[in-house]
Amino acid sequence: MVSYFTEDITFPFKLKRLTSKWLKFVAHSEARRLGDISIIFCSDQYILEVNRKYLNHDYYTDIITFDYCEGDLLSGDLFISIDSVRENAAFYGTAFENELNRVIVHGVLHLIGYDDHTEEEIAQMRSKEDFYLLQRVNL
């Protein structure tokens, strides 16, 4: 089950049902089951504090993923900075909703086991993001 929350911001996310259906599709496509995933929308400042407190990193980011998966059951917390998503959408010249969906699926792909530390991993992650973004419009 996917649950949606906000911390320190007001963000009326209206596509909960479609997003949950999409993430279930992503999980199934990757031979996983969808467990409990919390998506927490927040500000840059909030995600910076999470980054400092739990990861000992002192920088802003668009998403932090905490993995609680067991076996093929996907579970975790996705902290998403709406400020960073807006900035990224403007920088890349894409719609805010598209960038938000990319960040959401990016976090789920981390739960599945994909990483983005090397150029090869980044390319694979981007390819998976692109693939699942195209699938979303068909749901």
N, C-alpha and C. Protein backbone atom coordinates (compact mmCIF):
# COMPACT_ATOMS: atom_id res chain seq x y z
N MET A 1 0.84 -1.18 0.00
CA MET A 1 0.00 0.00 0.00
C MET A 1 0.89 1.25 0.00
N VAL A 2 0.51 2.20 -0.81
CA VAL A 2 1.25 3.46 -0.87
C VAL A 2 0.48 4.51 -0.08
N SER A 3 1.17 5.18 0.82
CA SER A 3 0.57 6.26 1.62
C SER A 3 1.29 7.55 1.30
N TYR A 4 0.56 8.65 1.37
CA TYR A 4 1.09 9.96 0.99
C TYR A 4 0.97 10.91 2.17
N PHE A 5 2.06 11.64 2.42
CA PHE A 5 2.12 12.56 3.55
C PHE A 5 2.83 13.84 3.12
N THR A 6 2.69 14.87 3.94
CA THR A 6 3.48 16.09 3.77
C THR A 6 4.12 16.44 5.10
N GLU A 7 5.28 17.05 5.02
CA GLU A 7 5.98 17.58 6.18
C GLU A 7 6.37 19.01 5.85
N ASP A 8 5.99 19.93 6.65
CA ASP A 8 6.36 21.35 6.62
C ASP A 8 5.94 22.10 5.36
N ILE A 9 5.12 21.52 4.51
CA ILE A 9 4.60 22.21 3.32
C ILE A 9 3.15 21.82 3.12
N THR A 10 2.47 22.60 2.31
CA THR A 10 1.15 22.25 1.84
C THR A 10 1.31 21.83 0.39
N PHE A 11 0.94 20.60 0.10
CA PHE A 11 1.07 20.08 -1.26
C PHE A 11 -0.09 19.14 -1.53
N PRO A 12 -1.10 19.63 -2.23
CA PRO A 12 -2.27 18.79 -2.51
C PRO A 12 -2.01 17.85 -3.69
N PHE A 13 -1.54 16.65 -3.39
CA PHE A 13 -1.23 15.66 -4.41
C PHE A 13 -2.52 14.94 -4.80
N LYS A 14 -2.98 15.16 -6.01
CA LYS A 14 -4.30 14.69 -6.42
C LYS A 14 -4.28 13.38 -7.21
N LEU A 15 -3.11 12.87 -7.50
CA LEU A 15 -3.02 11.68 -8.34
C LEU A 15 -2.62 10.43 -7.54
N LYS A 16 -3.12 10.33 -6.33
CA LYS A 16 -2.73 9.22 -5.45
C LYS A 16 -3.15 7.87 -6.01
N ARG A 17 -4.36 7.75 -6.47
CA ARG A 17 -4.86 6.46 -6.95
C ARG A 17 -4.08 6.00 -8.18
N LEU A 18 -3.89 6.88 -9.14
CA LEU A 18 -3.15 6.53 -10.35
C LEU A 18 -1.69 6.20 -10.01
N THR A 19 -1.08 6.99 -9.15
CA THR A 19 0.31 6.76 -8.78
C THR A 19 0.47 5.42 -8.07
N SER A 20 -0.44 5.10 -7.18
CA SER A 20 -0.39 3.81 -6.48
C SER A 20 -0.52 2.65 -7.47
N LYS A 21 -1.44 2.77 -8.40
CA LYS A 21 -1.63 1.74 -9.43
C LYS A 21 -0.35 1.58 -10.26
N TRP A 22 0.24 2.70 -10.63
CA TRP A 22 1.47 2.71 -11.42
C TRP A 22 2.61 2.03 -10.66
N LEU A 23 2.77 2.36 -9.39
CA LEU A 23 3.86 1.78 -8.61
C LEU A 23 3.65 0.29 -8.41
N LYS A 24 2.42 -0.15 -8.31
CA LYS A 24 2.13 -1.58 -8.24
C LYS A 24 2.55 -2.25 -9.55
N PHE A 25 2.28 -1.59 -10.68
CA PHE A 25 2.70 -2.09 -11.99
C PHE A 25 4.23 -2.19 -12.06
N VAL A 26 4.93 -1.14 -11.60
CA VAL A 26 6.39 -1.14 -11.60
C VAL A 26 6.91 -2.32 -10.78
N ALA A 27 6.39 -2.49 -9.59
CA ALA A 27 6.82 -3.58 -8.72
C ALA A 27 6.61 -4.93 -9.41
N HIS A 28 5.42 -5.14 -9.94
CA HIS A 28 5.09 -6.40 -10.60
C HIS A 28 6.01 -6.64 -11.80
N SER A 29 6.29 -5.59 -12.56
CA SER A 29 7.16 -5.71 -13.74
C SER A 29 8.58 -6.10 -13.38
N GLU A 30 8.99 -5.78 -12.16
CA GLU A 30 10.33 -6.09 -11.68
C GLU A 30 10.33 -7.32 -10.77
N ALA A 31 9.26 -8.14 -10.86
CA ALA A 31 9.13 -9.37 -10.07
C ALA A 31 9.17 -9.10 -8.57
N ARG A 32 8.51 -8.03 -8.18
CA ARG A 32 8.41 -7.66 -6.76
C ARG A 32 6.95 -7.47 -6.39
N ARG A 33 6.70 -7.45 -5.09
CA ARG A 33 5.36 -7.15 -4.57
C ARG A 33 5.43 -5.80 -3.87
N LEU A 34 4.34 -5.06 -3.97
CA LEU A 34 4.28 -3.75 -3.35
C LEU A 34 3.85 -3.89 -1.90
N GLY A 35 4.74 -3.52 -1.00
CA GLY A 35 4.43 -3.54 0.43
C GLY A 35 3.99 -2.16 0.86
N ASP A 36 4.49 -1.72 2.00
CA ASP A 36 4.15 -0.40 2.52
C ASP A 36 5.20 0.62 2.09
N ILE A 37 4.77 1.54 1.27
CA ILE A 37 5.64 2.63 0.83
C ILE A 37 5.00 3.95 1.25
N SER A 38 5.76 4.75 1.95
CA SER A 38 5.31 6.09 2.34
C SER A 38 6.04 7.10 1.47
N ILE A 39 5.27 7.97 0.84
CA ILE A 39 5.83 9.07 0.07
C ILE A 39 5.57 10.34 0.86
N ILE A 40 6.66 10.98 1.27
CA ILE A 40 6.56 12.16 2.12
C ILE A 40 7.06 13.37 1.33
N PHE A 41 6.15 14.26 0.99
CA PHE A 41 6.49 15.48 0.27
C PHE A 41 6.92 16.53 1.29
N CYS A 42 8.03 17.22 1.00
CA CYS A 42 8.56 18.17 1.97
C CYS A 42 9.32 19.28 1.24
N SER A 43 9.92 20.17 2.01
CA SER A 43 10.70 21.30 1.47
C SER A 43 12.17 20.92 1.37
N ASP A 44 12.93 21.78 0.71
CA ASP A 44 14.39 21.61 0.66
C ASP A 44 14.98 21.58 2.07
N GLN A 45 14.53 22.50 2.92
CA GLN A 45 15.09 22.58 4.27
C GLN A 45 14.82 21.31 5.06
N TYR A 46 13.62 20.76 4.91
CA TYR A 46 13.27 19.53 5.64
C TYR A 46 14.14 18.36 5.17
N ILE A 47 14.28 18.22 3.85
CA ILE A 47 15.07 17.09 3.34
C ILE A 47 16.54 17.25 3.69
N LEU A 48 17.02 18.50 3.78
CA LEU A 48 18.39 18.74 4.22
C LEU A 48 18.58 18.24 5.65
N GLU A 49 17.61 18.51 6.50
CA GLU A 49 17.70 18.05 7.89
C GLU A 49 17.66 16.53 7.98
N VAL A 50 16.82 15.88 7.17
CA VAL A 50 16.78 14.42 7.12
C VAL A 50 18.14 13.90 6.66
N ASN A 51 18.70 14.52 5.64
CA ASN A 51 19.99 14.12 5.11
C ASN A 51 21.09 14.24 6.17
N ARG A 52 21.06 15.32 6.90
CA ARG A 52 22.05 15.53 7.96
C ARG A 52 21.87 14.53 9.10
N LYS A 53 20.64 14.38 9.55
CA LYS A 53 20.36 13.58 10.74
C LYS A 53 20.57 12.09 10.51
N TYR A 54 20.11 11.57 9.39
CA TYR A 54 20.12 10.12 9.19
C TYR A 54 21.24 9.61 8.30
N LEU A 55 21.76 10.46 7.42
CA LEU A 55 22.78 10.00 6.47
C LEU A 55 24.11 10.71 6.65
N ASN A 56 24.14 11.70 7.54
CA ASN A 56 25.36 12.48 7.79
C ASN A 56 25.87 13.16 6.52
N HIS A 57 24.93 13.58 5.67
CA HIS A 57 25.26 14.33 4.45
C HIS A 57 24.77 15.76 4.63
N ASP A 58 25.58 16.71 4.22
CA ASP A 58 25.23 18.11 4.40
C ASP A 58 24.97 18.76 3.04
N TYR A 59 23.94 18.26 2.33
CA TYR A 59 23.59 18.84 1.04
C TYR A 59 22.11 18.58 0.74
N TYR A 60 21.60 19.41 -0.15
CA TYR A 60 20.22 19.27 -0.61
C TYR A 60 20.15 18.17 -1.66
N THR A 61 18.98 17.55 -1.77
CA THR A 61 18.74 16.53 -2.77
C THR A 61 17.24 16.52 -3.09
N ASP A 62 16.87 15.89 -4.18
CA ASP A 62 15.45 15.85 -4.51
C ASP A 62 14.73 14.70 -3.82
N ILE A 63 15.45 13.61 -3.51
CA ILE A 63 14.82 12.46 -2.88
C ILE A 63 15.81 11.75 -1.97
N ILE A 64 15.28 11.25 -0.87
CA ILE A 64 16.02 10.34 0.00
C ILE A 64 15.13 9.12 0.17
N THR A 65 15.71 7.95 -0.06
CA THR A 65 14.97 6.70 0.02
C THR A 65 15.49 5.88 1.19
N PHE A 66 14.59 5.50 2.08
CA PHE A 66 14.92 4.60 3.17
C PHE A 66 14.30 3.25 2.84
N ASP A 67 15.13 2.24 2.76
CA ASP A 67 14.76 0.91 2.29
C ASP A 67 14.44 -0.01 3.47
N TYR A 68 13.19 -0.52 3.50
CA TYR A 68 12.77 -1.48 4.51
C TYR A 68 12.30 -2.77 3.85
N CYS A 69 12.81 -3.06 2.66
CA CYS A 69 12.37 -4.22 1.88
C CYS A 69 12.77 -5.52 2.57
N GLU A 70 11.92 -6.52 2.37
CA GLU A 70 12.22 -7.88 2.83
C GLU A 70 11.90 -8.81 1.69
N GLY A 71 12.93 -9.48 1.19
CA GLY A 71 12.73 -10.38 0.06
C GLY A 71 12.23 -9.62 -1.15
N ASP A 72 11.12 -10.11 -1.72
CA ASP A 72 10.56 -9.45 -2.90
C ASP A 72 9.49 -8.41 -2.55
N LEU A 73 9.31 -8.14 -1.26
CA LEU A 73 8.31 -7.17 -0.79
C LEU A 73 8.95 -5.79 -0.66
N LEU A 74 8.48 -4.85 -1.50
CA LEU A 74 9.01 -3.49 -1.50
C LEU A 74 8.37 -2.67 -0.39
N SER A 75 9.19 -2.14 0.49
CA SER A 75 8.72 -1.26 1.56
C SER A 75 9.78 -0.20 1.81
N GLY A 76 9.33 1.01 2.09
CA GLY A 76 10.28 2.06 2.37
C GLY A 76 9.62 3.42 2.48
N ASP A 77 10.44 4.39 2.82
CA ASP A 77 10.01 5.79 2.91
C ASP A 77 10.73 6.58 1.83
N LEU A 78 9.97 7.37 1.06
CA LEU A 78 10.54 8.23 0.04
C LEU A 78 10.29 9.68 0.45
N PHE A 79 11.33 10.39 0.85
CA PHE A 79 11.22 11.81 1.17
C PHE A 79 11.53 12.58 -0.10
N ILE A 80 10.59 13.39 -0.55
CA ILE A 80 10.74 14.10 -1.82
C ILE A 80 10.61 15.60 -1.58
N SER A 81 11.66 16.34 -1.96
CA SER A 81 11.63 17.79 -1.85
C SER A 81 10.90 18.38 -3.05
N ILE A 82 9.74 18.96 -2.79
CA ILE A 82 8.96 19.60 -3.85
C ILE A 82 9.72 20.81 -4.40
N ASP A 83 10.48 21.51 -3.55
CA ASP A 83 11.30 22.63 -4.01
C ASP A 83 12.29 22.17 -5.07
N SER A 84 13.00 21.10 -4.79
CA SER A 84 14.00 20.58 -5.74
C SER A 84 13.35 20.05 -7.00
N VAL A 85 12.20 19.41 -6.87
CA VAL A 85 11.50 18.89 -8.05
C VAL A 85 11.11 20.06 -8.96
N ARG A 86 10.61 21.15 -8.38
CA ARG A 86 10.26 22.33 -9.18
C ARG A 86 11.49 22.90 -9.89
N GLU A 87 12.60 23.02 -9.15
CA GLU A 87 13.83 23.54 -9.74
C GLU A 87 14.34 22.63 -10.86
N ASN A 88 14.30 21.32 -10.64
CA ASN A 88 14.75 20.37 -11.66
C ASN A 88 13.88 20.44 -12.91
N ALA A 89 12.57 20.56 -12.72
CA ALA A 89 11.65 20.65 -13.87
C ALA A 89 12.00 21.87 -14.71
N ALA A 90 12.25 23.00 -14.06
CA ALA A 90 12.61 24.22 -14.80
C ALA A 90 13.96 24.05 -15.49
N PHE A 91 14.92 23.46 -14.78
CA PHE A 91 16.26 23.28 -15.33
C PHE A 91 16.26 22.37 -16.56
N TYR A 92 15.49 21.27 -16.48
CA TYR A 92 15.46 20.30 -17.57
C TYR A 92 14.39 20.61 -18.62
N GLY A 93 13.60 21.67 -18.38
CA GLY A 93 12.57 22.05 -19.34
C GLY A 93 11.46 21.04 -19.48
N THR A 94 11.07 20.46 -18.37
CA THR A 94 10.00 19.47 -18.38
C THR A 94 8.89 19.92 -17.44
N ALA A 95 7.74 19.33 -17.58
CA ALA A 95 6.61 19.66 -16.71
C ALA A 95 6.89 19.19 -15.28
N PHE A 96 6.40 19.96 -14.32
CA PHE A 96 6.57 19.61 -12.91
C PHE A 96 6.06 18.19 -12.65
N GLU A 97 4.88 17.85 -13.15
CA GLU A 97 4.29 16.52 -12.89
C GLU A 97 5.20 15.41 -13.43
N ASN A 98 5.79 15.62 -14.60
CA ASN A 98 6.69 14.63 -15.17
C ASN A 98 7.93 14.44 -14.30
N GLU A 99 8.49 15.54 -13.85
CA GLU A 99 9.68 15.46 -12.99
C GLU A 99 9.34 14.80 -11.66
N LEU A 100 8.18 15.12 -11.11
CA LEU A 100 7.77 14.49 -9.86
C LEU A 100 7.62 12.98 -10.04
N ASN A 101 7.00 12.57 -11.12
CA ASN A 101 6.85 11.13 -11.38
C ASN A 101 8.21 10.46 -11.57
N ARG A 102 9.13 11.15 -12.22
CA ARG A 102 10.48 10.59 -12.39
C ARG A 102 11.14 10.37 -11.03
N VAL A 103 11.01 11.33 -10.15
CA VAL A 103 11.64 11.22 -8.83
C VAL A 103 10.98 10.11 -8.02
N ILE A 104 9.67 10.00 -8.11
CA ILE A 104 8.96 8.93 -7.38
C ILE A 104 9.44 7.56 -7.87
N VAL A 105 9.45 7.35 -9.18
CA VAL A 105 9.87 6.03 -9.68
C VAL A 105 11.35 5.81 -9.42
N HIS A 106 12.15 6.85 -9.40
CA HIS A 106 13.57 6.73 -9.06
C HIS A 106 13.71 6.12 -7.66
N GLY A 107 12.94 6.63 -6.72
CA GLY A 107 12.99 6.08 -5.36
C GLY A 107 12.56 4.63 -5.31
N VAL A 108 11.52 4.28 -6.05
CA VAL A 108 11.05 2.89 -6.07
C VAL A 108 12.10 1.98 -6.72
N LEU A 109 12.75 2.48 -7.76
CA LEU A 109 13.81 1.70 -8.39
C LEU A 109 14.97 1.45 -7.42
N HIS A 110 15.26 2.41 -6.56
CA HIS A 110 16.26 2.16 -5.51
C HIS A 110 15.80 1.04 -4.60
N LEU A 111 14.52 1.02 -4.23
CA LEU A 111 14.00 -0.05 -3.38
C LEU A 111 14.14 -1.41 -4.06
N ILE A 112 13.98 -1.42 -5.36
CA ILE A 112 14.09 -2.67 -6.13
C ILE A 112 15.54 -3.15 -6.18
N GLY A 113 16.48 -2.22 -6.05
CA GLY A 113 17.88 -2.61 -6.02
C GLY A 113 18.76 -1.91 -7.04
N TYR A 114 18.19 -1.02 -7.83
CA TYR A 114 18.99 -0.26 -8.79
C TYR A 114 19.74 0.83 -8.06
N ASP A 115 20.93 1.14 -8.57
CA ASP A 115 21.75 2.17 -7.95
C ASP A 115 22.15 3.20 -8.99
N ASP A 116 22.78 4.27 -8.55
CA ASP A 116 23.17 5.34 -9.48
C ASP A 116 24.49 5.99 -9.07
N HIS A 117 25.47 5.14 -8.80
CA HIS A 117 26.78 5.66 -8.40
C HIS A 117 27.76 5.74 -9.57
N THR A 118 27.66 4.81 -10.51
CA THR A 118 28.57 4.82 -11.65
C THR A 118 27.83 5.31 -12.90
N GLU A 119 28.58 5.65 -13.93
CA GLU A 119 27.95 6.08 -15.19
C GLU A 119 27.03 5.00 -15.75
N GLU A 120 27.47 3.75 -15.66
CA GLU A 120 26.66 2.64 -16.16
C GLU A 120 25.37 2.50 -15.36
N GLU A 121 25.46 2.60 -14.05
CA GLU A 121 24.27 2.51 -13.19
C GLU A 121 23.33 3.68 -13.46
N ILE A 122 23.88 4.86 -13.64
CA ILE A 122 23.06 6.04 -13.93
C ILE A 122 22.31 5.85 -15.24
N ALA A 123 23.00 5.34 -16.25
CA ALA A 123 22.36 5.10 -17.55
C ALA A 123 21.24 4.07 -17.42
N GLN A 124 21.48 3.00 -16.66
CA GLN A 124 20.46 1.98 -16.48
C GLN A 124 19.26 2.56 -15.71
N MET A 125 19.53 3.34 -14.68
CA MET A 125 18.46 3.95 -13.88
C MET A 125 17.63 4.88 -14.76
N ARG A 126 18.28 5.71 -15.55
CA ARG A 126 17.57 6.65 -16.42
C ARG A 126 16.71 5.90 -17.44
N SER A 127 17.23 4.81 -17.98
CA SER A 127 16.49 3.99 -18.94
C SER A 127 15.24 3.40 -18.29
N LYS A 128 15.37 2.90 -17.09
CA LYS A 128 14.22 2.34 -16.35
C LYS A 128 13.20 3.45 -16.04
N GLU A 129 13.68 4.61 -15.61
CA GLU A 129 12.78 5.73 -15.35
C GLU A 129 11.98 6.07 -16.60
N ASP A 130 12.69 6.22 -17.72
CA ASP A 130 12.03 6.57 -18.98
C ASP A 130 10.99 5.52 -19.36
N PHE A 131 11.35 4.26 -19.24
CA PHE A 131 10.44 3.17 -19.58
C PHE A 131 9.17 3.24 -18.74
N TYR A 132 9.32 3.37 -17.43
CA TYR A 132 8.14 3.38 -16.56
C TYR A 132 7.34 4.67 -16.66
N LEU A 133 7.98 5.77 -16.99
CA LEU A 133 7.21 7.00 -17.25
C LEU A 133 6.31 6.82 -18.47
N LEU A 134 6.80 6.14 -19.48
CA LEU A 134 5.96 5.88 -20.67
C LEU A 134 4.82 4.92 -20.32
N GLN A 135 5.07 3.97 -19.46
CA GLN A 135 4.03 3.01 -19.07
C GLN A 135 2.91 3.69 -18.29
N ARG A 136 3.25 4.71 -17.55
CA ARG A 136 2.27 5.41 -16.70
C ARG A 136 1.11 5.96 -17.51
N VAL A 137 1.41 6.48 -18.69
CA VAL A 137 0.35 7.09 -19.50
C VAL A 137 -0.62 6.05 -20.07
N ASN A 138 -0.22 4.77 -20.05
CA ASN A 138 -1.08 3.71 -20.56
C ASN A 138 -1.97 3.09 -19.49
N LEU A 139 -1.83 3.52 -18.25
CA LEU A 139 -2.64 2.92 -17.16
C LEU A 139 -4.01 3.57 -17.09
